[in-house]
Amino acid sequence: MQYFAWLAHLYTATGLIFGFLALLAISAEDFRAAFLWLFVAVLVDASDGWLARSLRVEERLPSVSGARIDDIVDYVTYVLVPAYLLYRAGSLPAWCALPVTSALLLSSAFGFAHTEAKTSDHFFTGFPSYWNIVALYLFVAHLPAWLNAVILLSLAGLVFVRTTYVYPSQMPTLRLITIAAGSVWGAMLLWMIWILPARSPAVLLASLAFPVYYTALSIVLHRRRNHGRER
């Protein structure tokens, strides 16, 4: 039943269409619409793996790599489009906007190409290029442009640091709690996007609880993982 496998791959590839729609919205300076399209792309990315496994895509259509399609879509929607948004939204100092966005594009290209970008035990290696999330926070927080540049360059550097980060839908520890907390967090992000150009500092601050939890959990599991290898 290759038909179902092709449909699953098509579903993954629709992320490119949503990324393109986000680019059109950015060109029109409709940043709210751009973030909404990126949010839809994230929903596709969060569900396509489950769909592919349910339909046994690798077994039914081994000649087409769903992982490769996924990487292409992820680079467009998690890296290229957010970099363009930050550039066009004036979130960076004019004199360094191109170098900073170039750092995002290049660091993530090497991050995606690394042989252990995703480990066999379901971790991301190096900062996982969540530039769409970072772009939303910087856009909503309305921080000074120079501080945005420092944050972005610091995260671009972390792409090359071999720290592992949890893959929520595949993680072996606290998966259900993380997915539940992530769903609540996603709802808060959607609300932040929906009310743009208005901003809610309270929701912004509350939403930071999940990134803090995610980072802390990643650090703990990274240390535990390395300790297990040393034994």
Protein backbone atom coordinates (compact mmCIF):
# COMPACT_ATOMS: atom_id res chain seq x y z
CA MET A 1 0.00 0.00 0.00
CA GLN A 2 2.47 2.63 -1.21
CA TYR A 3 -0.43 5.07 -1.58
CA PHE A 4 -0.56 5.65 2.18
CA ALA A 5 3.20 6.04 2.39
CA TRP A 6 3.15 8.71 -0.31
CA LEU A 7 0.38 10.52 1.58
CA ALA A 8 2.49 10.49 4.74
CA HIS A 9 5.46 11.98 2.89
CA LEU A 10 3.18 14.56 1.29
CA TYR A 11 1.90 15.51 4.73
CA THR A 12 5.48 16.09 5.93
CA ALA A 13 6.31 18.10 2.81
CA THR A 14 3.37 20.48 3.35
CA GLY A 15 5.61 22.17 5.90
CA LEU A 16 7.42 23.71 2.92
CA ILE A 17 4.17 25.29 1.76
CA PHE A 18 3.50 26.73 5.19
CA GLY A 19 7.07 28.03 5.27
CA PHE A 20 6.55 29.69 1.90
CA LEU A 21 3.31 31.26 3.10
CA ALA A 22 5.23 32.59 6.11
CA LEU A 23 7.79 34.12 3.75
CA LEU A 24 5.01 35.84 1.81
CA ALA A 25 3.57 37.19 5.06
CA ILE A 26 6.99 38.48 6.17
CA SER A 27 7.47 40.22 2.81
CA ALA A 28 4.15 41.96 3.43
CA GLU A 29 5.30 42.76 7.00
CA ASP A 30 2.40 40.75 8.40
CA PHE A 31 4.46 39.15 11.16
CA ARG A 32 1.44 37.82 13.02
CA ALA A 33 0.42 35.77 9.97
CA ALA A 34 4.01 34.62 9.52
CA PHE A 35 4.17 33.27 13.07
CA LEU A 36 0.79 31.58 12.61
CA TRP A 37 2.03 29.77 9.49
CA LEU A 38 5.17 28.73 11.34
CA PHE A 39 3.00 27.43 14.18
CA VAL A 40 1.05 25.29 11.69
CA ALA A 41 4.36 23.97 10.35
CA VAL A 42 5.37 22.96 13.89
CA LEU A 43 2.08 21.07 14.31
CA VAL A 44 2.84 19.12 11.13
CA ASP A 45 6.37 18.42 12.33
CA ALA A 46 5.09 17.23 15.71
CA SER A 47 2.65 14.76 14.17
CA ASP A 48 4.24 13.48 10.97
CA GLY A 49 6.58 11.05 12.73
CA TRP A 50 3.67 9.34 14.48
CA LEU A 51 1.80 9.16 11.17
CA ALA A 52 4.80 7.68 9.35
CA ARG A 53 5.31 5.01 12.01
CA SER A 54 1.59 4.16 12.06
CA LEU A 55 1.55 3.70 8.28
CA ARG A 56 4.87 1.78 8.24
CA VAL A 57 6.25 4.20 5.67
CA GLU A 58 9.83 2.88 5.72
CA GLU A 59 8.58 -0.62 5.01
CA ARG A 60 6.12 0.37 2.29
CA LEU A 61 8.25 2.97 0.49
CA PRO A 62 11.94 2.38 1.26
CA SER A 63 13.10 4.28 -1.83
CA VAL A 64 12.00 7.65 -0.38
CA SER A 65 13.63 8.98 2.79
CA GLY A 66 11.11 10.59 5.08
CA ALA A 67 13.96 11.69 7.34
CA ARG A 68 15.55 13.61 4.49
CA ILE A 69 12.27 15.32 3.62
CA ASP A 70 11.86 16.17 7.30
CA ASP A 71 15.34 17.72 7.46
CA ILE A 72 14.65 19.88 4.41
CA VAL A 73 11.34 21.07 5.84
CA ASP A 74 12.87 21.69 9.27
CA TYR A 75 15.71 23.77 7.86
CA VAL A 76 13.24 25.95 5.97
CA THR A 77 10.70 26.40 8.77
CA TYR A 78 12.99 26.35 11.82
CA VAL A 79 15.96 28.22 10.35
CA LEU A 80 15.54 30.04 7.03
CA VAL A 81 12.12 31.61 7.59
CA PRO A 82 12.80 32.74 11.19
CA ALA A 83 16.15 34.25 10.11
CA TYR A 84 14.39 36.21 7.37
CA LEU A 85 11.69 37.29 9.85
CA LEU A 86 14.25 38.61 12.33
CA TYR A 87 16.01 40.44 9.51
CA ARG A 88 12.85 42.05 8.12
CA ALA A 89 11.24 42.81 11.49
CA GLY A 90 14.09 45.10 12.52
CA SER A 91 14.90 42.92 15.52
CA LEU A 92 18.64 43.36 14.96
CA PRO A 93 20.97 46.36 14.65
CA ALA A 94 21.10 47.36 10.98
CA TRP A 95 24.89 47.16 10.85
CA CYS A 96 25.04 43.51 11.94
CA ALA A 97 21.67 42.12 10.83
CA LEU A 98 23.14 40.23 7.88
CA PRO A 99 26.15 38.77 9.78
CA VAL A 100 23.91 37.63 12.66
CA THR A 101 21.30 35.99 10.44
CA SER A 102 24.13 34.44 8.41
CA ALA A 103 25.46 32.93 11.64
CA LEU A 104 22.06 31.32 12.21
CA LEU A 105 21.90 29.93 8.70
CA LEU A 106 25.44 28.58 8.62
CA SER A 107 25.59 27.16 12.14
CA SER A 108 22.33 25.30 11.64
CA ALA A 109 23.48 23.97 8.26
CA PHE A 110 26.45 22.34 9.99
CA GLY A 111 24.23 21.31 12.90
CA PHE A 112 21.80 19.52 10.58
CA ALA A 113 24.67 17.88 8.68
CA HIS A 114 26.37 16.44 11.76
CA THR A 115 26.24 12.65 11.84
CA GLU A 116 24.90 12.75 15.40
CA ALA A 117 22.48 15.65 15.00
CA LYS A 118 19.97 13.11 16.28
CA THR A 119 21.44 10.31 18.36
CA SER A 120 20.35 6.68 18.23
CA ASP A 121 18.88 7.02 21.73
CA HIS A 122 16.71 9.97 20.68
CA PHE A 123 18.54 13.15 21.65
CA PHE A 124 19.44 16.23 19.67
CA THR A 125 23.13 17.12 19.77
CA GLY A 126 23.93 20.82 20.03
CA PHE A 127 21.31 23.55 20.24
CA PRO A 128 18.45 22.14 18.11
CA SER A 129 17.96 25.27 15.97
CA TYR A 130 14.64 26.28 17.48
CA TRP A 131 14.98 29.65 15.76
CA ASN A 132 11.24 29.94 15.16
CA ILE A 133 10.65 29.83 18.93
CA VAL A 134 13.55 32.18 19.63
CA ALA A 135 12.28 34.61 16.98
CA LEU A 136 8.82 34.66 18.57
CA TYR A 137 10.19 35.36 22.03
CA LEU A 138 12.47 38.13 20.81
CA PHE A 139 9.68 39.66 18.74
CA VAL A 140 7.18 39.62 21.61
CA ALA A 141 9.66 40.63 24.32
CA HIS A 142 10.76 43.61 22.24
CA LEU A 143 14.27 43.57 23.68
CA PRO A 144 16.98 46.01 22.56
CA ALA A 145 18.31 45.04 19.13
CA TRP A 146 21.89 44.66 20.40
CA LEU A 147 20.73 42.21 23.08
CA ASN A 148 18.85 40.19 20.46
CA ALA A 149 22.09 39.94 18.49
CA VAL A 150 24.01 38.71 21.54
CA ILE A 151 21.35 36.08 22.31
CA LEU A 152 21.24 34.82 18.74
CA LEU A 153 25.01 34.61 18.36
CA SER A 154 25.29 32.80 21.70
CA LEU A 155 22.72 30.22 20.63
CA ALA A 156 24.40 29.85 17.24
CA GLY A 157 27.60 29.01 19.11
CA LEU A 158 25.75 26.40 21.18
CA VAL A 159 24.90 24.52 17.98
CA PHE A 160 28.54 23.35 17.98
CA VAL A 161 28.64 22.40 21.67
CA ARG A 162 28.07 18.65 21.95
CA THR A 163 25.49 18.92 24.71
CA THR A 164 22.46 16.71 24.09
CA TYR A 165 18.88 17.99 24.25
CA VAL A 166 15.78 15.89 24.74
CA TYR A 167 13.56 14.94 21.83
CA PRO A 168 10.15 15.28 23.56
CA SER A 169 8.15 12.81 21.46
CA GLN A 170 10.89 10.15 21.61
CA MET A 171 12.45 10.70 25.03
CA PRO A 172 12.59 7.71 27.40
CA THR A 173 12.25 9.77 30.61
CA LEU A 174 9.21 11.85 31.70
CA ARG A 175 7.80 11.70 28.18
CA LEU A 176 4.12 12.09 29.09
CA ILE A 177 4.80 14.91 31.56
CA THR A 178 6.98 16.71 29.02
CA ILE A 179 4.45 16.33 26.23
CA ALA A 180 1.63 17.55 28.50
CA ALA A 181 3.65 20.53 29.68
CA GLY A 182 4.71 21.20 26.10
CA SER A 183 1.08 21.22 24.97
CA VAL A 184 0.19 23.84 27.57
CA TRP A 185 3.25 25.82 26.52
CA GLY A 186 2.22 25.55 22.87
CA ALA A 187 -1.21 26.94 23.73
CA MET A 188 0.44 29.92 25.43
CA LEU A 189 2.63 30.53 22.39
CA LEU A 190 -0.41 30.40 20.13
CA TRP A 191 -2.13 32.96 22.35
CA MET A 192 0.93 35.20 22.19
CA ILE A 193 0.81 35.01 18.40
CA TRP A 194 -2.95 35.43 18.17
CA ILE A 195 -3.06 38.71 20.09
CA LEU A 196 -0.23 40.34 18.11
CA PRO A 197 0.59 43.19 17.77
CA ALA A 198 -0.62 43.40 21.38
CA ARG A 199 1.63 41.80 23.97
CA SER A 200 0.95 40.10 27.31
CA PRO A 201 4.00 40.26 29.61
CA ALA A 202 2.29 37.90 32.08
CA VAL A 203 1.78 35.17 29.48
CA LEU A 204 5.27 35.74 28.12
CA LEU A 205 6.84 35.24 31.54
CA ALA A 206 4.65 32.23 32.37
CA SER A 207 5.52 30.58 29.06
CA LEU A 208 9.22 30.70 29.92
CA ALA A 209 8.66 27.98 32.53
CA PHE A 210 8.70 25.26 29.87
CA PRO A 211 11.96 26.31 28.15
CA VAL A 212 13.57 26.43 31.60
CA TYR A 213 12.22 22.94 32.38
CA TYR A 214 13.32 21.65 28.95
CA THR A 215 16.84 23.03 29.37
CA ALA A 216 17.20 21.73 32.92
CA LEU A 217 15.94 18.27 31.96
CA SER A 218 18.30 18.19 28.98
CA ILE A 219 21.28 19.05 31.20
CA VAL A 220 20.37 16.41 33.78
CA LEU A 221 19.87 13.69 31.17
CA HIS A 222 23.03 14.76 29.31
CA ARG A 223 25.09 14.31 32.48
CA ARG A 224 23.39 11.02 33.31
CA ARG A 225 23.97 9.80 29.75
CA ASN A 226 27.67 10.69 29.84
CA HIS A 227 28.06 9.19 33.32
CA GLY A 228 26.57 5.93 32.06
CA ARG A 229 29.04 5.83 29.20
CA GLU A 230 31.99 6.38 31.54
CA ARG A 231 31.04 3.46 33.78
